[in-house]
Each structure stands twice: as structure tokens, then as C-alpha cells.
Amino acid sequence: MTFDVPPDLVQLRRDFLRADAARAGEGEAAEQAYREAQRLTEAIGDHPWWATVENRFEARMALLDATRE
């Protein structure tokens, strides 16, 4: 099964990965990165594309693959 992952969803995932990596720091920057990672997690989960796919697990794997490209 192939998935056409929307570019904005791929970008949200990439932004999440950057914010998640920034959480390893300390202080206010780490707190901001934590809040941003939370916001992005919600945005990814709420994306309307998920309602269009039958197999969410395979769709998630497609998103992860598309993020690496």
C-alpha cells in the first residue's frame, strides 16, 4: 500500500523532531522546546489526513519514511 503523505504533515513531523532534540538542553529554551514538541504532537495527530487512511499504522510508517527523505 502506498500513501501520499501531505507535505505539510511531513513538515510538522520534521519540526517536531527538531523541537524534540532541543528539549535536551537546559533552562527556558528546553521548556520552550518541550511546549513546542507538545503542540506539534497535537497538530500531527489532528491533521485531517489521518481520517482518509484505512491503516493508520502503515500510514504512520509512511510518514516516518517521508520525514527521512
N, C-alpha and C. Protein backbone atom coordinates (compact mmCIF):
# COMPACT_ATOMS: atom_id res chain seq x y z
N MET A 1 0.85 -1.18 0.00
CA MET A 1 0.00 0.00 0.00
C MET A 1 0.89 1.24 0.00
N THR A 2 0.59 2.18 -0.85
CA THR A 2 1.36 3.42 -0.90
C THR A 2 0.50 4.56 -0.36
N PHE A 3 1.16 5.51 0.22
CA PHE A 3 0.48 6.66 0.81
C PHE A 3 1.05 7.94 0.22
N ASP A 4 0.19 8.87 -0.02
CA ASP A 4 0.60 10.20 -0.47
C ASP A 4 0.53 11.11 0.75
N VAL A 5 1.62 11.15 1.48
CA VAL A 5 1.66 11.92 2.72
C VAL A 5 1.72 13.41 2.38
N PRO A 6 0.81 14.21 2.93
CA PRO A 6 0.80 15.64 2.63
C PRO A 6 2.10 16.32 3.07
N PRO A 7 2.61 17.22 2.26
CA PRO A 7 3.87 17.92 2.61
C PRO A 7 3.79 18.68 3.92
N ASP A 8 2.63 19.25 4.24
CA ASP A 8 2.54 20.00 5.50
C ASP A 8 2.63 19.07 6.71
N LEU A 9 2.16 17.85 6.56
CA LEU A 9 2.28 16.87 7.64
C LEU A 9 3.74 16.42 7.81
N VAL A 10 4.42 16.24 6.70
CA VAL A 10 5.85 15.90 6.75
C VAL A 10 6.61 17.02 7.45
N GLN A 11 6.27 18.26 7.12
CA GLN A 11 6.96 19.40 7.75
C GLN A 11 6.67 19.46 9.25
N LEU A 12 5.43 19.19 9.63
CA LEU A 12 5.11 19.15 11.06
C LEU A 12 5.97 18.12 11.78
N ARG A 13 6.13 16.96 11.17
CA ARG A 13 6.95 15.90 11.78
C ARG A 13 8.41 16.34 11.89
N ARG A 14 8.93 16.96 10.84
CA ARG A 14 10.32 17.44 10.88
C ARG A 14 10.49 18.51 11.96
N ASP A 15 9.51 19.41 12.06
CA ASP A 15 9.56 20.43 13.10
C ASP A 15 9.52 19.79 14.49
N PHE A 16 8.69 18.74 14.63
CA PHE A 16 8.64 18.02 15.90
C PHE A 16 10.00 17.43 16.25
N LEU A 17 10.66 16.81 15.28
CA LEU A 17 11.95 16.19 15.55
C LEU A 17 12.97 17.23 16.01
N ARG A 18 12.94 18.42 15.42
CA ARG A 18 13.85 19.49 15.84
C ARG A 18 13.52 19.94 17.27
N ALA A 19 12.24 20.15 17.54
CA ALA A 19 11.84 20.59 18.89
C ALA A 19 12.18 19.52 19.92
N ASP A 20 11.95 18.27 19.57
CA ASP A 20 12.23 17.18 20.50
C ASP A 20 13.73 17.11 20.81
N ALA A 21 14.55 17.31 19.81
CA ALA A 21 16.00 17.30 20.04
C ALA A 21 16.42 18.48 20.91
N ALA A 22 15.76 19.62 20.76
CA ALA A 22 16.11 20.81 21.53
C ALA A 22 15.73 20.67 23.00
N ARG A 23 14.86 19.72 23.31
CA ARG A 23 14.46 19.50 24.71
C ARG A 23 15.62 19.02 25.56
N ALA A 24 16.67 18.52 24.94
CA ALA A 24 17.82 18.00 25.69
C ALA A 24 18.62 19.11 26.36
N GLY A 25 18.35 20.35 25.99
CA GLY A 25 19.06 21.47 26.60
C GLY A 25 18.58 21.72 28.01
N GLU A 26 18.91 22.88 28.50
CA GLU A 26 18.54 23.24 29.87
C GLU A 26 17.83 24.58 29.89
N GLY A 27 17.14 24.84 30.97
CA GLY A 27 16.54 26.14 31.20
C GLY A 27 15.32 26.42 30.35
N GLU A 28 15.12 27.70 30.11
CA GLU A 28 13.93 28.17 29.40
C GLU A 28 13.87 27.65 27.97
N ALA A 29 14.99 27.53 27.32
CA ALA A 29 15.00 27.01 25.94
C ALA A 29 14.47 25.59 25.90
N ALA A 30 14.85 24.78 26.87
CA ALA A 30 14.36 23.40 26.92
C ALA A 30 12.86 23.37 27.21
N GLU A 31 12.40 24.26 28.08
CA GLU A 31 10.96 24.36 28.38
C GLU A 31 10.17 24.75 27.14
N GLN A 32 10.68 25.73 26.41
CA GLN A 32 10.01 26.16 25.18
C GLN A 32 9.98 25.03 24.16
N ALA A 33 11.07 24.32 24.04
CA ALA A 33 11.13 23.20 23.11
C ALA A 33 10.14 22.11 23.52
N TYR A 34 10.01 21.87 24.81
CA TYR A 34 9.06 20.89 25.32
C TYR A 34 7.63 21.28 24.94
N ARG A 35 7.28 22.55 25.16
CA ARG A 35 5.94 23.02 24.81
C ARG A 35 5.71 22.97 23.31
N GLU A 36 6.71 23.31 22.53
CA GLU A 36 6.58 23.25 21.07
C GLU A 36 6.41 21.80 20.61
N ALA A 37 7.16 20.88 21.19
CA ALA A 37 7.01 19.47 20.83
C ALA A 37 5.61 18.97 21.15
N GLN A 38 5.06 19.40 22.27
CA GLN A 38 3.69 19.02 22.63
C GLN A 38 2.69 19.57 21.61
N ARG A 39 2.86 20.84 21.25
CA ARG A 39 1.96 21.47 20.29
C ARG A 39 2.01 20.74 18.94
N LEU A 40 3.22 20.42 18.52
CA LEU A 40 3.39 19.75 17.24
C LEU A 40 2.83 18.32 17.27
N THR A 41 2.97 17.64 18.40
CA THR A 41 2.38 16.31 18.54
C THR A 41 0.88 16.37 18.33
N GLU A 42 0.25 17.35 18.93
CA GLU A 42 -1.20 17.51 18.76
C GLU A 42 -1.55 17.86 17.33
N ALA A 43 -0.78 18.74 16.71
CA ALA A 43 -1.05 19.13 15.33
C ALA A 43 -0.91 17.94 14.38
N ILE A 44 0.07 17.11 14.62
CA ILE A 44 0.26 15.91 13.79
C ILE A 44 -0.93 14.98 13.96
N GLY A 45 -1.32 14.73 15.18
CA GLY A 45 -2.43 13.82 15.45
C GLY A 45 -3.77 14.34 14.96
N ASP A 46 -3.92 15.65 14.91
CA ASP A 46 -5.19 16.26 14.48
C ASP A 46 -5.26 16.51 12.98
N HIS A 47 -4.18 16.21 12.26
CA HIS A 47 -4.17 16.50 10.83
C HIS A 47 -5.29 15.73 10.13
N PRO A 48 -6.02 16.37 9.23
CA PRO A 48 -7.16 15.72 8.57
C PRO A 48 -6.78 14.52 7.71
N TRP A 49 -5.54 14.41 7.33
CA TRP A 49 -5.12 13.28 6.50
C TRP A 49 -5.39 11.94 7.17
N TRP A 50 -5.26 11.88 8.49
CA TRP A 50 -5.45 10.63 9.20
C TRP A 50 -6.85 10.05 8.98
N ALA A 51 -7.84 10.91 8.78
CA ALA A 51 -9.21 10.44 8.56
C ALA A 51 -9.39 9.81 7.19
N THR A 52 -8.41 9.98 6.32
CA THR A 52 -8.54 9.46 4.95
C THR A 52 -7.83 8.13 4.75
N VAL A 53 -7.12 7.65 5.76
CA VAL A 53 -6.35 6.41 5.60
C VAL A 53 -7.05 5.26 6.32
N GLU A 54 -6.93 4.08 5.76
CA GLU A 54 -7.56 2.90 6.35
C GLU A 54 -6.67 2.27 7.42
N ASN A 55 -5.39 2.16 7.14
CA ASN A 55 -4.47 1.51 8.06
C ASN A 55 -3.56 2.58 8.66
N ARG A 56 -3.89 3.00 9.86
CA ARG A 56 -3.16 4.10 10.48
C ARG A 56 -1.72 3.73 10.80
N PHE A 57 -1.47 2.47 11.15
CA PHE A 57 -0.10 2.05 11.43
C PHE A 57 0.77 2.20 10.18
N GLU A 58 0.30 1.68 9.06
CA GLU A 58 1.06 1.79 7.81
C GLU A 58 1.19 3.25 7.38
N ALA A 59 0.16 4.03 7.62
CA ALA A 59 0.22 5.45 7.29
C ALA A 59 1.29 6.15 8.13
N ARG A 60 1.36 5.78 9.41
CA ARG A 60 2.38 6.38 10.29
C ARG A 60 3.78 5.99 9.81
N MET A 61 3.96 4.75 9.40
CA MET A 61 5.25 4.32 8.88
C MET A 61 5.60 5.10 7.61
N ALA A 62 4.61 5.36 6.78
CA ALA A 62 4.83 6.16 5.57
C ALA A 62 5.25 7.58 5.92
N LEU A 63 4.62 8.14 6.96
CA LEU A 63 5.01 9.48 7.42
C LEU A 63 6.45 9.48 7.91
N LEU A 64 6.82 8.48 8.69
CA LEU A 64 8.19 8.41 9.19
C LEU A 64 9.18 8.27 8.03
N ASP A 65 8.85 7.46 7.05
CA ASP A 65 9.72 7.30 5.86
C ASP A 65 9.83 8.62 5.10
N ALA A 66 8.70 9.30 4.92
CA ALA A 66 8.70 10.56 4.17
C ALA A 66 9.51 11.63 4.91
N THR A 67 9.53 11.55 6.21
CA THR A 67 10.28 12.53 7.00
C THR A 67 11.78 12.35 6.81
N ARG A 68 12.20 11.13 6.55
CA ARG A 68 13.62 10.85 6.37
C ARG A 68 14.14 11.24 4.99
N GLU A 69 13.26 11.43 4.04
CA GLU A 69 13.69 11.72 2.66
C GLU A 69 14.25 13.11 2.53
